[in-house]
Amino acid sequence: MNSSSTVSAELGLRLVVPDRTTVPLLAGLEYAADDPYAIRMAFYVGNDEPVEWIFARELLTVGIVRKVGDGDVEVWPAGPDDTTLNIALSSPFGNALFEVPLSPLADFLHRTYQVVPAGQESEFVDMDAELENLLWPS
């Protein structure tokens, strides 16, 4: 995989804590053409290893304009004229709500669609390798 088939960015965001105050955090975003449906987001929380979540690229894209997601991940615009996107995560370890600045996230998503256009994701998946991984796990 070469650099032209990956897109990465760092994003400042805010964790909303129970009393509705926010805590600034840094997240790393990564997209790779060989996994064209997924975006990896690593949340840096102190000196520990980052906490990584994998999102469907389409989920983040649709979440810019309307509420989307069910279960572990929900994404929605903060308001009609707001420049913030909300991302809610749920796991057995707890729940988290993040406020994400829309402009840098939209720029990142735009760059992913330059690498793999919408509707062409299946052309970037190595189906033989995926089947081999499913049928003969190592």
C-alpha atoms as a PDB file:
ATOM      1  CA  MET A   1       0.000   0.000   0.000  1.00  0.00           C
ATOM      2  CA  ASN A   2       1.460   3.358  -0.923  1.00  0.00           C
ATOM      3  CA  SER A   3       0.708   6.796   0.494  1.00  0.00           C
ATOM      4  CA  SER A   4      -1.634   7.653  -2.386  1.00  0.00           C
ATOM      5  CA  SER A   5      -4.020   4.915  -1.213  1.00  0.00           C
ATOM      6  CA  THR A   6      -4.239   6.153   2.373  1.00  0.00           C
ATOM      7  CA  VAL A   7      -5.614   9.282   3.984  1.00  0.00           C
ATOM      8  CA  SER A   8      -4.871  10.363   7.525  1.00  0.00           C
ATOM      9  CA  ALA A   9      -5.567  13.371   9.704  1.00  0.00           C
ATOM     10  CA  GLU A  10      -5.447  14.531  13.290  1.00  0.00           C
ATOM     11  CA  LEU A  11      -8.568  16.077  14.679  1.00  0.00           C
ATOM     12  CA  GLY A  12      -9.176  18.066  17.845  1.00  0.00           C
ATOM     13  CA  LEU A  13     -12.512  17.160  19.406  1.00  0.00           C
ATOM     14  CA  ARG A  14     -14.296  17.418  22.728  1.00  0.00           C
ATOM     15  CA  LEU A  15     -15.528  14.694  25.073  1.00  0.00           C
ATOM     16  CA  VAL A  16     -18.812  15.741  26.706  1.00  0.00           C
ATOM     17  CA  VAL A  17     -18.804  14.687  30.361  1.00  0.00           C
ATOM     18  CA  PRO A  18     -21.926  14.144  32.511  1.00  0.00           C
ATOM     19  CA  ASP A  19     -22.223  17.740  33.752  1.00  0.00           C
ATOM     20  CA  ARG A  20     -22.195  18.852  30.067  1.00  0.00           C
ATOM     21  CA  THR A  21     -18.723  20.388  30.280  1.00  0.00           C
ATOM     22  CA  THR A  22     -16.251  19.295  27.635  1.00  0.00           C
ATOM     23  CA  VAL A  23     -12.733  17.881  27.718  1.00  0.00           C
ATOM     24  CA  PRO A  24     -10.489  18.495  24.696  1.00  0.00           C
ATOM     25  CA  LEU A  25      -9.010  15.386  23.076  1.00  0.00           C
ATOM     26  CA  LEU A  26      -6.993  14.524  20.017  1.00  0.00           C
ATOM     27  CA  ALA A  27      -8.080  11.818  17.575  1.00  0.00           C
ATOM     28  CA  GLY A  28      -6.223  10.301  14.652  1.00  0.00           C
ATOM     29  CA  LEU A  29      -8.227   9.393  11.559  1.00  0.00           C
ATOM     30  CA  GLU A  30      -7.042   6.849   9.029  1.00  0.00           C
ATOM     31  CA  TYR A  31      -8.527   5.540   5.796  1.00  0.00           C
ATOM     32  CA  ALA A  32      -6.973   2.924   3.514  1.00  0.00           C
ATOM     33  CA  ALA A  33      -8.134   1.964   0.040  1.00  0.00           C
ATOM     34  CA  ASP A  34      -7.581  -1.732   0.791  1.00  0.00           C
ATOM     35  CA  ASP A  35     -10.300  -1.475   3.492  1.00  0.00           C
ATOM     36  CA  PRO A  36     -12.550   0.922   1.571  1.00  0.00           C
ATOM     37  CA  TYR A  37     -15.647   0.802   3.769  1.00  0.00           C
ATOM     38  CA  ALA A  38     -13.907   1.619   7.064  1.00  0.00           C
ATOM     39  CA  ILE A  39     -12.444   4.613   8.827  1.00  0.00           C
ATOM     40  CA  ARG A  40     -10.310   4.058  11.891  1.00  0.00           C
ATOM     41  CA  MET A  41     -10.425   6.673  14.614  1.00  0.00           C
ATOM     42  CA  ALA A  42      -7.905   6.496  17.452  1.00  0.00           C
ATOM     43  CA  PHE A  43      -8.785   8.550  20.533  1.00  0.00           C
ATOM     44  CA  TYR A  44      -5.729   9.686  22.498  1.00  0.00           C
ATOM     45  CA  VAL A  45      -6.556   9.740  26.196  1.00  0.00           C
ATOM     46  CA  GLY A  46      -3.495  10.602  28.233  1.00  0.00           C
ATOM     47  CA  ASN A  47      -0.341   8.525  28.053  1.00  0.00           C
ATOM     48  CA  ASP A  48      -2.153   5.213  27.512  1.00  0.00           C
ATOM     49  CA  GLU A  49      -2.445   3.466  24.189  1.00  0.00           C
ATOM     50  CA  PRO A  50      -5.111   5.124  22.032  1.00  0.00           C
ATOM     51  CA  VAL A  51      -8.625   3.720  22.047  1.00  0.00           C
ATOM     52  CA  GLU A  52      -9.493   2.740  18.464  1.00  0.00           C
ATOM     53  CA  TRP A  53     -12.940   2.543  16.939  1.00  0.00           C
ATOM     54  CA  ILE A  54     -13.767   1.543  13.394  1.00  0.00           C
ATOM     55  CA  PHE A  55     -16.572   3.404  11.650  1.00  0.00           C
ATOM     56  CA  ALA A  56     -18.308   2.827   8.350  1.00  0.00           C
ATOM     57  CA  ARG A  57     -17.277   5.689   6.068  1.00  0.00           C
ATOM     58  CA  GLU A  58     -20.889   6.033   4.944  1.00  0.00           C
ATOM     59  CA  LEU A  59     -22.049   6.369   8.569  1.00  0.00           C
ATOM     60  CA  LEU A  60     -19.853   9.422   9.122  1.00  0.00           C
ATOM     61  CA  THR A  61     -20.816  10.866   5.736  1.00  0.00           C
ATOM     62  CA  VAL A  62     -24.578  10.530   6.273  1.00  0.00           C
ATOM     63  CA  GLY A  63     -24.235  11.713   9.880  1.00  0.00           C
ATOM     64  CA  ILE A  64     -23.202  15.134   8.606  1.00  0.00           C
ATOM     65  CA  VAL A  65     -26.748  15.781   7.348  1.00  0.00           C
ATOM     66  CA  ARG A  66     -29.001  13.653   9.588  1.00  0.00           C
ATOM     67  CA  LYS A  67     -28.992  11.350  12.578  1.00  0.00           C
ATOM     68  CA  VAL A  68     -27.771   7.881  11.656  1.00  0.00           C
ATOM     69  CA  GLY A  69     -26.588   4.767  13.430  1.00  0.00           C
ATOM     70  CA  ASP A  70     -28.035   2.165  15.683  1.00  0.00           C
ATOM     71  CA  GLY A  71     -26.563   0.485  18.698  1.00  0.00           C
ATOM     72  CA  ASP A  72     -22.886   1.115  19.408  1.00  0.00           C
ATOM     73  CA  VAL A  73     -22.397   4.176  17.193  1.00  0.00           C
ATOM     74  CA  GLU A  74     -24.679   7.116  16.435  1.00  0.00           C
ATOM     75  CA  VAL A  75     -23.744  10.237  14.480  1.00  0.00           C
ATOM     76  CA  TRP A  76     -25.770  13.425  13.976  1.00  0.00           C
ATOM     77  CA  PRO A  77     -25.357  17.129  13.293  1.00  0.00           C
ATOM     78  CA  ALA A  78     -25.446  19.253  16.454  1.00  0.00           C
ATOM     79  CA  GLY A  79     -27.931  21.682  14.876  1.00  0.00           C
ATOM     80  CA  PRO A  80     -29.092  23.087  11.553  1.00  0.00           C
ATOM     81  CA  ASP A  81     -26.570  25.952  11.533  1.00  0.00           C
ATOM     82  CA  ASP A  82     -23.947  24.381  13.780  1.00  0.00           C
ATOM     83  CA  THR A  83     -20.411  23.537  12.744  1.00  0.00           C
ATOM     84  CA  THR A  84     -20.246  20.522  15.044  1.00  0.00           C
ATOM     85  CA  LEU A  85     -21.017  16.843  14.587  1.00  0.00           C
ATOM     86  CA  ASN A  86     -21.991  14.598  17.510  1.00  0.00           C
ATOM     87  CA  ILE A  87     -20.636  11.055  17.756  1.00  0.00           C
ATOM     88  CA  ALA A  88     -22.031   8.833  20.503  1.00  0.00           C
ATOM     89  CA  LEU A  89     -20.236   5.570  21.295  1.00  0.00           C
ATOM     90  CA  SER A  90     -21.493   2.769  23.493  1.00  0.00           C
ATOM     91  CA  SER A  91     -19.608  -0.294  24.709  1.00  0.00           C
ATOM     92  CA  PRO A  92     -19.777  -2.706  27.640  1.00  0.00           C
ATOM     93  CA  PHE A  93     -17.233  -0.401  29.331  1.00  0.00           C
ATOM     94  CA  GLY A  94     -19.401   2.722  29.097  1.00  0.00           C
ATOM     95  CA  ASN A  95     -20.748   5.459  26.864  1.00  0.00           C
ATOM     96  CA  ALA A  96     -19.099   8.542  25.398  1.00  0.00           C
ATOM     97  CA  LEU A  97     -20.351  11.571  23.509  1.00  0.00           C
ATOM     98  CA  PHE A  98     -17.929  13.546  21.351  1.00  0.00           C
ATOM     99  CA  GLU A  99     -18.342  16.918  19.685  1.00  0.00           C
ATOM    100  CA  VAL A 100     -16.369  16.923  16.439  1.00  0.00           C
ATOM    101  CA  PRO A 101     -15.642  20.049  14.370  1.00  0.00           C
ATOM    102  CA  LEU A 102     -17.415  19.546  11.066  1.00  0.00           C
ATOM    103  CA  SER A 103     -15.040  21.287   8.661  1.00  0.00           C
ATOM    104  CA  PRO A 104     -11.890  19.190   9.251  1.00  0.00           C
ATOM    105  CA  LEU A 105     -13.933  15.964   9.345  1.00  0.00           C
ATOM    106  CA  ALA A 106     -15.679  16.866   6.079  1.00  0.00           C
ATOM    107  CA  ASP A 107     -12.280  17.670   4.516  1.00  0.00           C
ATOM    108  CA  PHE A 108     -10.948  14.274   5.623  1.00  0.00           C
ATOM    109  CA  LEU A 109     -14.016  12.481   4.204  1.00  0.00           C
ATOM    110  CA  HIS A 110     -13.687  14.395   0.927  1.00  0.00           C
ATOM    111  CA  ARG A 111     -10.088  13.191   0.600  1.00  0.00           C
ATOM    112  CA  THR A 112     -11.210   9.569   1.193  1.00  0.00           C
ATOM    113  CA  TYR A 113     -13.695   9.861  -1.669  1.00  0.00           C
ATOM    114  CA  GLN A 114     -10.890  11.115  -3.921  1.00  0.00           C
ATOM    115  CA  VAL A 115      -9.001   7.870  -3.176  1.00  0.00           C
ATOM    116  CA  VAL A 116     -12.053   5.575  -3.461  1.00  0.00           C
ATOM    117  CA  PRO A 117     -15.152   7.169  -5.018  1.00  0.00           C
ATOM    118  CA  ALA A 118     -18.577   6.374  -3.569  1.00  0.00           C
ATOM    119  CA  GLY A 119     -20.031   3.218  -5.090  1.00  0.00           C
ATOM    120  CA  GLN A 120     -16.625   1.897  -6.183  1.00  0.00           C
ATOM    121  CA  GLU A 121     -15.560   0.406  -2.843  1.00  0.00           C
ATOM    122  CA  SER A 122     -16.016  -3.201  -3.998  1.00  0.00           C
ATOM    123  CA  GLU A 123     -13.418  -2.658  -6.724  1.00  0.00           C
ATOM    124  CA  PHE A 124     -10.787  -2.133  -4.011  1.00  0.00           C
ATOM    125  CA  VAL A 125     -11.538  -5.273  -1.992  1.00  0.00           C
ATOM    126  CA  ASP A 126      -9.412  -8.358  -2.641  1.00  0.00           C
ATOM    127  CA  MET A 127     -12.243 -10.910  -2.457  1.00  0.00           C
ATOM    128  CA  ASP A 128      -9.929 -13.916  -2.791  1.00  0.00           C
ATOM    129  CA  ALA A 129      -7.884 -12.785   0.211  1.00  0.00           C
ATOM    130  CA  GLU A 130     -11.032 -12.027   2.223  1.00  0.00           C
ATOM    131  CA  LEU A 131     -12.485 -15.466   1.467  1.00  0.00           C
ATOM    132  CA  GLU A 132      -9.221 -17.128   2.385  1.00  0.00           C
ATOM    133  CA  ASN A 133      -9.201 -15.297   5.715  1.00  0.00           C
ATOM    134  CA  LEU A 134     -12.758 -16.436   6.398  1.00  0.00           C
ATOM    135  CA  LEU A 135     -12.309 -20.054   5.328  1.00  0.00           C
ATOM    136  CA  TRP A 136      -8.784 -20.769   6.570  1.00  0.00           C
ATOM    137  CA  PRO A 137      -8.026 -18.579   9.554  1.00  0.00           C
ATOM    138  CA  SER A 138      -4.470 -18.716  10.785  1.00  0.00           C
END
